[in-house]
Amino acid sequence: MASNIFILPLLLFLSIFTCSTAKLGHQKETEMTVYYHEYSGSRNATLIEIPGPSTGPLNTTKFGLMMCTDDPITEKFEEGSVQIARGRGIYVISALDGSHAHMLVSVVFINGKYKGSTLEIQGSYALRERATEVAVVGGTGKFRLARGYATFEVLYTDSLRGYLLARSNMIVLHY
C-alpha cells in the first residue's frame, strides 16, 4: 500500500523531464517543383534491383520485384543542373499485373534553403500512367510534421542510356 503513495509523484516527476520543449510555430504551406534524374543499367546506376531469386532477365513489371534508388534531384530539368536533394528509397512492384509499385522515398535535401531537411513520400505509384500522385507523410528539419501530396510525371526516357527524367510537383503543409 505504501508503494502506491510514491507512484503518482514519481510519474509526475518523470513526466516533467520527458516533455518536449520544441515549439512548432505556425503552419506553413510550401509548393515546389523538382526533377528526378534516374539512371539504370550502367556503372553509375541510381536505380538497381534488390537481388532475389533469379527467374530470368530484369523485368520491371514483375510482381514482387524490389528496387533501391538514390536519384539526384534538381530544381531545373537539365541533366547537369545543381543537385538540391537525393531521392533515396525503395520501390516494390505490388500489383499482380505489374501496373503499380509501392514507393517509399526520402527526399534528402543536400543544398539550398532546405539543406538538412527531409520529406517522406509513400504511396502506390502507377507505372503505366503518364502522371501519378502519392502522399507526403512526414518530414524533418524545416518540414517537421509535413503532410501533403506529390505528383510525378515522366517527361523523358532514353532506354539506350537507361535514363529517365520525372517532374514532381509537391504541396506540403509543415511547421
C-alpha atoms as a PDB file:
ATOM      1  CA  MET A   1       0.000   0.000   0.000  1.00  0.00           C
ATOM      2  CA  ALA A   2       2.814   2.398   0.863  1.00  0.00           C
ATOM      3  CA  SER A   3       4.442   1.871  -2.555  1.00  0.00           C
ATOM      4  CA  ASN A   4       1.281   3.213  -4.272  1.00  0.00           C
ATOM      5  CA  ILE A   5       1.761   6.533  -2.465  1.00  0.00           C
ATOM      6  CA  PHE A   6       5.044   7.079  -4.325  1.00  0.00           C
ATOM      7  CA  ILE A   7       3.809   6.109  -7.793  1.00  0.00           C
ATOM      8  CA  LEU A   8       1.816   9.279  -8.565  1.00  0.00           C
ATOM      9  CA  PRO A   9       4.570  11.724  -7.506  1.00  0.00           C
ATOM     10  CA  LEU A  10       7.148   9.629  -9.382  1.00  0.00           C
ATOM     11  CA  LEU A  11       5.057   9.677 -12.563  1.00  0.00           C
ATOM     12  CA  LEU A  12       4.549  13.437 -12.233  1.00  0.00           C
ATOM     13  CA  PHE A  13       8.291  13.968 -11.728  1.00  0.00           C
ATOM     14  CA  LEU A  14       9.188  11.802 -14.757  1.00  0.00           C
ATOM     15  CA  SER A  15       6.602  13.480 -16.991  1.00  0.00           C
ATOM     16  CA  ILE A  16       8.090  16.917 -16.286  1.00  0.00           C
ATOM     17  CA  PHE A  17      11.505  15.774 -17.511  1.00  0.00           C
ATOM     18  CA  THR A  18      10.283  13.832 -20.551  1.00  0.00           C
ATOM     19  CA  CYS A  19       8.052  16.514 -22.115  1.00  0.00           C
ATOM     20  CA  SER A  20       9.416  18.103 -25.266  1.00  0.00           C
ATOM     21  CA  THR A  21      10.162  21.812 -25.316  1.00  0.00           C
ATOM     22  CA  ALA A  22      10.034  22.028 -29.141  1.00  0.00           C
ATOM     23  CA  LYS A  23       7.812  24.829 -30.392  1.00  0.00           C
ATOM     24  CA  LEU A  24       6.094  24.268 -33.718  1.00  0.00           C
ATOM     25  CA  GLY A  25       5.015  27.796 -34.573  1.00  0.00           C
ATOM     26  CA  HIS A  26       2.516  28.481 -37.347  1.00  0.00           C
ATOM     27  CA  GLN A  27       1.655  26.031 -40.078  1.00  0.00           C
ATOM     28  CA  LYS A  28       3.203  26.864 -43.473  1.00  0.00           C
ATOM     29  CA  GLU A  29       2.462  25.720 -46.998  1.00  0.00           C
ATOM     30  CA  THR A  30       5.324  25.094 -49.419  1.00  0.00           C
ATOM     31  CA  GLU A  31       4.908  24.423 -53.126  1.00  0.00           C
ATOM     32  CA  MET A  32       7.883  23.204 -55.128  1.00  0.00           C
ATOM     33  CA  THR A  33       8.722  21.594 -58.426  1.00  0.00           C
ATOM     34  CA  VAL A  34      11.766  19.328 -58.614  1.00  0.00           C
ATOM     35  CA  TYR A  35      13.210  16.936 -61.195  1.00  0.00           C
ATOM     36  CA  TYR A  36      14.321  13.345 -60.556  1.00  0.00           C
ATOM     37  CA  HIS A  37      17.126  12.050 -62.779  1.00  0.00           C
ATOM     38  CA  GLU A  38      17.117   8.250 -62.742  1.00  0.00           C
ATOM     39  CA  TYR A  39      19.904   6.129 -64.211  1.00  0.00           C
ATOM     40  CA  SER A  40      19.698   2.342 -64.569  1.00  0.00           C
ATOM     41  CA  GLY A  41      21.758  -0.315 -66.271  1.00  0.00           C
ATOM     42  CA  SER A  42      25.128   1.424 -66.019  1.00  0.00           C
ATOM     43  CA  ARG A  43      28.105   1.543 -63.688  1.00  0.00           C
ATOM     44  CA  ASN A  44      26.751   4.737 -62.085  1.00  0.00           C
ATOM     45  CA  ALA A  45      23.164   3.492 -61.765  1.00  0.00           C
ATOM     46  CA  THR A  46      20.899   5.270 -59.293  1.00  0.00           C
ATOM     47  CA  LEU A  47      18.207   2.565 -59.547  1.00  0.00           C
ATOM     48  CA  ILE A  48      19.123  -1.078 -59.017  1.00  0.00           C
ATOM     49  CA  GLU A  49      17.283  -4.327 -58.430  1.00  0.00           C
ATOM     50  CA  ILE A  50      17.470  -5.735 -54.924  1.00  0.00           C
ATOM     51  CA  PRO A  51      18.657  -9.274 -55.669  1.00  0.00           C
ATOM     52  CA  GLY A  52      16.238 -12.110 -55.193  1.00  0.00           C
ATOM     53  CA  PRO A  53      15.787 -15.488 -56.797  1.00  0.00           C
ATOM     54  CA  SER A  54      16.713 -15.170 -60.459  1.00  0.00           C
ATOM     55  CA  THR A  55      13.892 -16.058 -62.824  1.00  0.00           C
ATOM     56  CA  GLY A  56      15.386 -14.562 -65.964  1.00  0.00           C
ATOM     57  CA  PRO A  57      16.212 -11.093 -67.247  1.00  0.00           C
ATOM     58  CA  LEU A  58      15.189  -7.968 -65.276  1.00  0.00           C
ATOM     59  CA  ASN A  59      11.518  -7.249 -65.766  1.00  0.00           C
ATOM     60  CA  THR A  60      10.481  -4.016 -64.037  1.00  0.00           C
ATOM     61  CA  THR A  61       6.811  -5.042 -64.061  1.00  0.00           C
ATOM     62  CA  LYS A  62       7.302  -8.433 -62.365  1.00  0.00           C
ATOM     63  CA  PHE A  63       5.210  -8.788 -59.196  1.00  0.00           C
ATOM     64  CA  GLY A  64       7.411  -8.700 -56.088  1.00  0.00           C
ATOM     65  CA  LEU A  65      10.414  -7.076 -57.761  1.00  0.00           C
ATOM     66  CA  MET A  66      12.205  -4.731 -55.356  1.00  0.00           C
ATOM     67  CA  MET A  67      14.398  -1.836 -56.445  1.00  0.00           C
ATOM     68  CA  CYS A  68      16.580   0.554 -54.474  1.00  0.00           C
ATOM     69  CA  THR A  69      17.031   4.161 -55.588  1.00  0.00           C
ATOM     70  CA  ASP A  70      19.323   7.108 -54.864  1.00  0.00           C
ATOM     71  CA  ASP A  71      18.346   9.575 -57.610  1.00  0.00           C
ATOM     72  CA  PRO A  72      19.752  13.085 -57.942  1.00  0.00           C
ATOM     73  CA  ILE A  73      17.040  15.754 -57.619  1.00  0.00           C
ATOM     74  CA  THR A  74      17.405  19.188 -59.201  1.00  0.00           C
ATOM     75  CA  GLU A  75      15.394  22.431 -59.415  1.00  0.00           C
ATOM     76  CA  LYS A  76      15.870  22.585 -63.192  1.00  0.00           C
ATOM     77  CA  PHE A  77      15.182  19.849 -65.717  1.00  0.00           C
ATOM     78  CA  GLU A  78      18.623  19.919 -67.383  1.00  0.00           C
ATOM     79  CA  GLU A  79      20.675  16.827 -66.643  1.00  0.00           C
ATOM     80  CA  GLY A  80      23.721  18.796 -65.388  1.00  0.00           C
ATOM     81  CA  SER A  81      21.719  21.080 -63.057  1.00  0.00           C
ATOM     82  CA  VAL A  82      22.826  21.646 -59.475  1.00  0.00           C
ATOM     83  CA  GLN A  83      21.533  18.956 -57.136  1.00  0.00           C
ATOM     84  CA  ILE A  84      19.390  20.162 -54.265  1.00  0.00           C
ATOM     85  CA  ALA A  85      18.407  16.731 -52.937  1.00  0.00           C
ATOM     86  CA  ARG A  86      18.624  12.962 -53.344  1.00  0.00           C
ATOM     87  CA  GLY A  87      15.615  10.654 -53.692  1.00  0.00           C
ATOM     88  CA  ARG A  88      16.561   7.665 -51.521  1.00  0.00           C
ATOM     89  CA  GLY A  89      14.279   4.709 -51.032  1.00  0.00           C
ATOM     90  CA  ILE A  90      12.703   1.581 -52.423  1.00  0.00           C
ATOM     91  CA  TYR A  91      10.071   0.575 -54.953  1.00  0.00           C
ATOM     92  CA  VAL A  92       8.254  -2.753 -54.796  1.00  0.00           C
ATOM     93  CA  ILE A  93       6.104  -3.944 -57.710  1.00  0.00           C
ATOM     94  CA  SER A  94       2.959  -4.534 -55.683  1.00  0.00           C
ATOM     95  CA  ALA A  95       0.284  -5.210 -58.306  1.00  0.00           C
ATOM     96  CA  LEU A  96      -0.034  -8.710 -59.738  1.00  0.00           C
ATOM     97  CA  ASP A  97      -0.291  -7.263 -63.251  1.00  0.00           C
ATOM     98  CA  GLY A  98       2.801  -5.061 -62.724  1.00  0.00           C
ATOM     99  CA  SER A  99       0.851  -1.814 -63.076  1.00  0.00           C
ATOM    100  CA  HIS A 100       1.753  -0.290 -59.703  1.00  0.00           C
ATOM    101  CA  ALA A 101       4.775  -0.066 -57.425  1.00  0.00           C
ATOM    102  CA  HIS A 102       4.694   0.805 -53.751  1.00  0.00           C
ATOM    103  CA  MET A 103       7.010   3.782 -53.344  1.00  0.00           C
ATOM    104  CA  LEU A 104       8.882   4.653 -50.136  1.00  0.00           C
ATOM    105  CA  VAL A 105      11.237   7.564 -50.794  1.00  0.00           C
ATOM    106  CA  SER A 106      13.037  10.052 -48.569  1.00  0.00           C
ATOM    107  CA  VAL A 107      13.798  13.357 -50.264  1.00  0.00           C
ATOM    108  CA  VAL A 108      17.045  14.287 -48.516  1.00  0.00           C
ATOM    109  CA  PHE A 109      17.906  17.949 -49.132  1.00  0.00           C
ATOM    110  CA  ILE A 110      21.673  18.409 -49.530  1.00  0.00           C
ATOM    111  CA  ASN A 111      21.851  22.008 -50.851  1.00  0.00           C
ATOM    112  CA  GLY A 112      19.832  25.214 -50.828  1.00  0.00           C
ATOM    113  CA  LYS A 113      17.422  26.659 -48.298  1.00  0.00           C
ATOM    114  CA  TYR A 114      16.131  23.231 -47.185  1.00  0.00           C
ATOM    115  CA  LYS A 115      19.588  21.662 -46.654  1.00  0.00           C
ATOM    116  CA  GLY A 116      19.479  19.168 -43.781  1.00  0.00           C
ATOM    117  CA  SER A 117      15.705  18.653 -44.033  1.00  0.00           C
ATOM    118  CA  THR A 118      13.800  15.676 -45.428  1.00  0.00           C
ATOM    119  CA  LEU A 119      10.388  14.837 -46.861  1.00  0.00           C
ATOM    120  CA  GLU A 120       8.959  11.321 -46.669  1.00  0.00           C
ATOM    121  CA  ILE A 121       6.929  10.157 -49.669  1.00  0.00           C
ATOM    122  CA  GLN A 122       4.826   6.999 -49.734  1.00  0.00           C
ATOM    123  CA  GLY A 123       2.152   5.504 -51.899  1.00  0.00           C
ATOM    124  CA  SER A 124       1.060   3.486 -54.887  1.00  0.00           C
ATOM    125  CA  TYR A 125       2.933   4.666 -57.998  1.00  0.00           C
ATOM    126  CA  ALA A 126       1.013   3.993 -61.236  1.00  0.00           C
ATOM    127  CA  LEU A 127       3.716   2.754 -63.629  1.00  0.00           C
ATOM    128  CA  ARG A 128       1.631   2.768 -66.801  1.00  0.00           C
ATOM    129  CA  GLU A 129       0.218   6.261 -66.334  1.00  0.00           C
ATOM    130  CA  ARG A 130       1.923   9.404 -67.543  1.00  0.00           C
ATOM    131  CA  ALA A 131       1.339  11.027 -64.133  1.00  0.00           C
ATOM    132  CA  THR A 132       0.627   9.683 -60.658  1.00  0.00           C
ATOM    133  CA  GLU A 133       0.010  11.092 -57.179  1.00  0.00           C
ATOM    134  CA  VAL A 134       1.399   9.873 -53.854  1.00  0.00           C
ATOM    135  CA  ALA A 135       1.292  11.134 -50.277  1.00  0.00           C
ATOM    136  CA  VAL A 136       3.819  13.203 -48.376  1.00  0.00           C
ATOM    137  CA  VAL A 137       3.561  11.551 -44.973  1.00  0.00           C
ATOM    138  CA  GLY A 138       6.231  13.283 -42.904  1.00  0.00           C
ATOM    139  CA  GLY A 139       9.404  15.279 -42.767  1.00  0.00           C
ATOM    140  CA  THR A 140      12.205  16.656 -40.632  1.00  0.00           C
ATOM    141  CA  GLY A 141      14.001  19.959 -40.160  1.00  0.00           C
ATOM    142  CA  LYS A 142      12.143  22.728 -41.992  1.00  0.00           C
ATOM    143  CA  PHE A 143       9.488  20.155 -42.924  1.00  0.00           C
ATOM    144  CA  ARG A 144       8.717  18.947 -39.400  1.00  0.00           C
ATOM    145  CA  LEU A 145       5.351  17.144 -39.257  1.00  0.00           C
ATOM    146  CA  ALA A 146       4.897  17.514 -43.025  1.00  0.00           C
ATOM    147  CA  ARG A 147       1.868  16.223 -44.857  1.00  0.00           C
ATOM    148  CA  GLY A 148       0.656  16.787 -48.363  1.00  0.00           C
ATOM    149  CA  TYR A 149       0.983  15.247 -51.784  1.00  0.00           C
ATOM    150  CA  ALA A 150       3.411  14.879 -54.659  1.00  0.00           C
ATOM    151  CA  THR A 151       2.651  14.296 -58.308  1.00  0.00           C
ATOM    152  CA  PHE A 152       5.143  12.575 -60.595  1.00  0.00           C
ATOM    153  CA  GLU A 153       5.164  12.908 -64.362  1.00  0.00           C
ATOM    154  CA  VAL A 154       7.666  11.193 -66.655  1.00  0.00           C
ATOM    155  CA  LEU A 155       8.964  13.838 -69.064  1.00  0.00           C
ATOM    156  CA  TYR A 156      11.636  11.933 -70.960  1.00  0.00           C
ATOM    157  CA  THR A 157      13.141   8.465 -71.253  1.00  0.00           C
ATOM    158  CA  ASP A 158      16.234   7.246 -73.082  1.00  0.00           C
ATOM    159  CA  SER A 159      16.248   3.446 -72.966  1.00  0.00           C
ATOM    160  CA  LEU A 160      19.665   3.212 -74.667  1.00  0.00           C
ATOM    161  CA  ARG A 161      21.265   5.196 -71.833  1.00  0.00           C
ATOM    162  CA  GLY A 162      18.925   3.874 -69.120  1.00  0.00           C
ATOM    163  CA  TYR A 163      17.884   7.457 -68.282  1.00  0.00           C
ATOM    164  CA  LEU A 164      14.526   8.742 -67.068  1.00  0.00           C
ATOM    165  CA  LEU A 165      13.553  12.330 -66.199  1.00  0.00           C
ATOM    166  CA  ALA A 166      10.496  12.869 -63.993  1.00  0.00           C
ATOM    167  CA  ARG A 167       8.962  16.101 -62.723  1.00  0.00           C
ATOM    168  CA  SER A 168       7.481  16.184 -59.233  1.00  0.00           C
ATOM    169  CA  ASN A 169       5.150  18.928 -58.043  1.00  0.00           C
ATOM    170  CA  MET A 170       4.744  18.911 -54.277  1.00  0.00           C
ATOM    171  CA  ILE A 171       2.406  20.793 -51.973  1.00  0.00           C
ATOM    172  CA  VAL A 172       3.420  20.354 -48.362  1.00  0.00           C
ATOM    173  CA  LEU A 173       1.924  21.619 -45.105  1.00  0.00           C
ATOM    174  CA  HIS A 174       4.505  21.793 -42.301  1.00  0.00           C
ATOM    175  CA  TYR A 175       5.648  23.768 -39.244  1.00  0.00           C
END
